[in-house]
């Protein structure tokens, strides 16, 4: 699913940015600003932050602007269809999909069917419908390049190799509760959960990092991106967040990609792969200043969302979509103060237990499973 070569147009490449006002969107704009001769912003779409979007429009003057959860008072197109319109815009060659959650799936599929490169930060697209995403890329000639720092690290390690990797190890910071006991974690407050020790991200992904559900989502994503079985995919806790992934090859050699935590590096690489641009905006890595690097096993019995996610990935079919949907509902309920932090994994577990796994044979089947689980999850909370 990873492209082998980058198209060369000899002119600035047209970019559509979906999820422009989130953390990935803002990082993408910083990257584009440093390379105006290479990239041209064609389309901007946000979820609901019309105020921030207006400032971006004033600065960038894109051809297309949309608000997914907009109102009639906005002067731009609104509704989920604006994601599709931006992703398939004729002047767009690369779609940066930084939409949070299941809402990003249709845009990923549409862009790939239209022959675009998708710089993917919306891991839910692959988690929910990995085989369908692969089929869309094959049918339309589109390309998929990951933005997640861990998957970008893997891609950078394998890009110039003559053989495929035999094992991947993704790293996790461990989140704010890495050393906490189970009972204390279960009672964690919203403020404690959002206090991530390494990364500054949106609230949903920050909660996912605290539960380690995010790492399970990333391993499912890696399964589809790099074609490896789950037995060849691992995760380790690395509090310093300097090593982003390890890649092992059949002869036993292992490569790692390292660098200070910054999403701007993988974003730029997703836009240029397999080429690289000089970027003076990135902090140079100093191994002496980085100091000691440590690694720990994931506490699977404590971080149950991680364990449940891996089990869903192994089950395949609609199970990963169920895991994702249940997690989205649970995280939203936690952030609204309706369930405790420990209730996130409990809700996911209940939804996986009651779901009858079906083959993910179509988008309609996946969407139906997603909708059914969301309904059941909401009913179980209220």
Foldseek 3Di string as FASTA:
>chain_A
DADQDDDDDPFAAEEAEAQLPFPLNVLLVVLCVQCVRHHAYAEYEHAEPVVVVVVVCVVRVHNAYEYQPYDPVDPHHYHLCSLLCRLLPPRHAEYEQPDEAPSSQVSLLSNLLQAHEYAYPHLNNCLLFLPSSVVSNVNRVHHYHYLPLLSLFVCLVPSPDPDAFQAKEFEALCFLCNPPDLVVLQFDALVSQCPGPADHGDSLVSNCSNLVLVVLSVLLSCCSVRVYDSVRYHYKYKNLQFWGMWTAHPVGDIDTHGDGDDSSVSSQCSVHPPDHDDDPVGDDDDVVVSPDIDIGHDPCVRSVSNVCSNVQSNVAALSSLLSRLLLVLLSVCSVVVLHTSNVSNVSSVVSSVPDDGDHNPDPVVSVVSSVVSNVVSVVVSD
